[in-house]
Amino acid sequence: MSKKKIKKIYKYECTMTGETFKTTAEAKHPDELVSVKAYYELNPDKDDRPSDVKIRLKQDEEALQSLMALQAPAEEK
């Protein structure tokens, strides 16, 4: 029988957004890792994503904000 290859999974946290993500490659400088969202916020001139992706992300962010606004009054009670 052949041996099962075990892949080690590394978990890192974005230093700006706090978002956690996984990768199978070890980072040389884990303290300098940022998420894709944070990278494009820091470098808007390098944002080369298609317009439909930008629109979808903006809609998702607006939906999340409206959801948070609906939950906030419920927490105050």
C-alpha atoms as a PDB file:
ATOM      1  CA  MET A   1       0.000   0.000   0.000  1.00  0.00           C
ATOM      2  CA  SER A   2       1.112   3.504  -0.650  1.00  0.00           C
ATOM      3  CA  LYS A   3       1.445   6.009   2.097  1.00  0.00           C
ATOM      4  CA  LYS A   4      -1.122   8.729   2.353  1.00  0.00           C
ATOM      5  CA  LYS A   5       0.430  12.108   1.763  1.00  0.00           C
ATOM      6  CA  ILE A   6      -0.388  14.466   4.591  1.00  0.00           C
ATOM      7  CA  LYS A   7      -0.600  18.154   3.779  1.00  0.00           C
ATOM      8  CA  LYS A   8       0.056  20.528   6.614  1.00  0.00           C
ATOM      9  CA  ILE A   9      -2.380  23.425   6.777  1.00  0.00           C
ATOM     10  CA  TYR A  10      -1.263  26.791   8.122  1.00  0.00           C
ATOM     11  CA  LYS A  11      -3.736  29.305   9.530  1.00  0.00           C
ATOM     12  CA  TYR A  12      -2.966  32.992   9.346  1.00  0.00           C
ATOM     13  CA  GLU A  13      -4.810  36.124  10.359  1.00  0.00           C
ATOM     14  CA  CYS A  14      -4.918  39.327   8.349  1.00  0.00           C
ATOM     15  CA  THR A  15      -3.171  42.070  10.299  1.00  0.00           C
ATOM     16  CA  MET A  16      -5.672  44.709   9.122  1.00  0.00           C
ATOM     17  CA  THR A  17      -9.095  43.067   8.968  1.00  0.00           C
ATOM     18  CA  GLY A  18      -8.612  40.210  11.425  1.00  0.00           C
ATOM     19  CA  GLU A  19      -9.895  37.781   8.783  1.00  0.00           C
ATOM     20  CA  THR A  20      -8.555  34.240   9.204  1.00  0.00           C
ATOM     21  CA  PHE A  21      -7.485  32.206   6.205  1.00  0.00           C
ATOM     22  CA  LYS A  22      -5.780  28.871   5.534  1.00  0.00           C
ATOM     23  CA  THR A  23      -2.977  27.908   3.201  1.00  0.00           C
ATOM     24  CA  THR A  24      -0.849  24.843   2.554  1.00  0.00           C
ATOM     25  CA  ALA A  25       2.321  26.897   2.169  1.00  0.00           C
ATOM     26  CA  GLU A  26       4.172  28.350   5.126  1.00  0.00           C
ATOM     27  CA  ALA A  27       4.565  32.117   5.002  1.00  0.00           C
ATOM     28  CA  LYS A  28       8.043  33.561   5.351  1.00  0.00           C
ATOM     29  CA  HIS A  29       6.719  36.692   7.066  1.00  0.00           C
ATOM     30  CA  PRO A  30       3.308  35.887   8.621  1.00  0.00           C
ATOM     31  CA  ASP A  31       3.124  39.259  10.382  1.00  0.00           C
ATOM     32  CA  GLU A  32       3.012  41.030   7.018  1.00  0.00           C
ATOM     33  CA  LEU A  33       0.116  39.045   5.513  1.00  0.00           C
ATOM     34  CA  VAL A  34      -3.022  40.915   4.487  1.00  0.00           C
ATOM     35  CA  SER A  35      -6.225  39.684   2.903  1.00  0.00           C
ATOM     36  CA  VAL A  36      -7.144  40.463  -0.698  1.00  0.00           C
ATOM     37  CA  LYS A  37      -9.762  42.938   0.512  1.00  0.00           C
ATOM     38  CA  ALA A  38      -7.233  44.785   2.668  1.00  0.00           C
ATOM     39  CA  TYR A  39      -4.672  44.824  -0.163  1.00  0.00           C
ATOM     40  CA  TYR A  40      -7.090  46.497  -2.553  1.00  0.00           C
ATOM     41  CA  GLU A  41      -8.137  48.991   0.144  1.00  0.00           C
ATOM     42  CA  LEU A  42      -4.476  49.938   0.576  1.00  0.00           C
ATOM     43  CA  ASN A  43      -3.786  50.000  -3.179  1.00  0.00           C
ATOM     44  CA  PRO A  44      -6.925  51.156  -5.029  1.00  0.00           C
ATOM     45  CA  ASP A  45      -4.847  52.096  -8.085  1.00  0.00           C
ATOM     46  CA  LYS A  46      -3.812  48.434  -8.514  1.00  0.00           C
ATOM     47  CA  ASP A  47      -7.390  47.122  -8.377  1.00  0.00           C
ATOM     48  CA  ASP A  48      -7.640  45.282 -11.692  1.00  0.00           C
ATOM     49  CA  ARG A  49     -10.616  43.099 -10.819  1.00  0.00           C
ATOM     50  CA  PRO A  50     -13.516  42.968 -13.300  1.00  0.00           C
ATOM     51  CA  SER A  51     -16.323  45.455 -12.679  1.00  0.00           C
ATOM     52  CA  ASP A  52     -18.877  42.718 -11.941  1.00  0.00           C
ATOM     53  CA  VAL A  53     -16.689  41.466  -9.075  1.00  0.00           C
ATOM     54  CA  LYS A  54     -16.409  44.980  -7.649  1.00  0.00           C
ATOM     55  CA  ILE A  55     -20.183  45.461  -7.867  1.00  0.00           C
ATOM     56  CA  ARG A  56     -20.869  42.106  -6.178  1.00  0.00           C
ATOM     57  CA  LEU A  57     -18.450  42.883  -3.340  1.00  0.00           C
ATOM     58  CA  LYS A  58     -20.025  46.304  -2.816  1.00  0.00           C
ATOM     59  CA  GLN A  59     -23.511  44.741  -2.669  1.00  0.00           C
ATOM     60  CA  ASP A  60     -22.307  42.120  -0.187  1.00  0.00           C
ATOM     61  CA  GLU A  61     -20.794  44.819   2.015  1.00  0.00           C
ATOM     62  CA  GLU A  62     -24.010  46.889   1.920  1.00  0.00           C
ATOM     63  CA  ALA A  63     -26.091  43.822   2.806  1.00  0.00           C
ATOM     64  CA  LEU A  64     -23.810  43.058   5.740  1.00  0.00           C
ATOM     65  CA  GLN A  65     -24.046  46.640   6.995  1.00  0.00           C
ATOM     66  CA  SER A  66     -27.853  46.606   6.795  1.00  0.00           C
ATOM     67  CA  LEU A  67     -27.932  43.289   8.639  1.00  0.00           C
ATOM     68  CA  MET A  68     -25.696  44.709  11.362  1.00  0.00           C
ATOM     69  CA  ALA A  69     -27.956  47.772  11.629  1.00  0.00           C
ATOM     70  CA  LEU A  70     -30.985  45.524  12.133  1.00  0.00           C
ATOM     71  CA  GLN A  71     -29.251  43.538  14.853  1.00  0.00           C
ATOM     72  CA  ALA A  72     -27.907  46.545  16.760  1.00  0.00           C
ATOM     73  CA  PRO A  73     -31.300  47.723  18.184  1.00  0.00           C
ATOM     74  CA  ALA A  74     -32.101  44.160  19.259  1.00  0.00           C
ATOM     75  CA  GLU A  75     -28.891  44.010  21.304  1.00  0.00           C
ATOM     76  CA  GLU A  76     -29.680  47.257  23.155  1.00  0.00           C
ATOM     77  CA  LYS A  77     -32.910  45.891  24.690  1.00  0.00           C
END
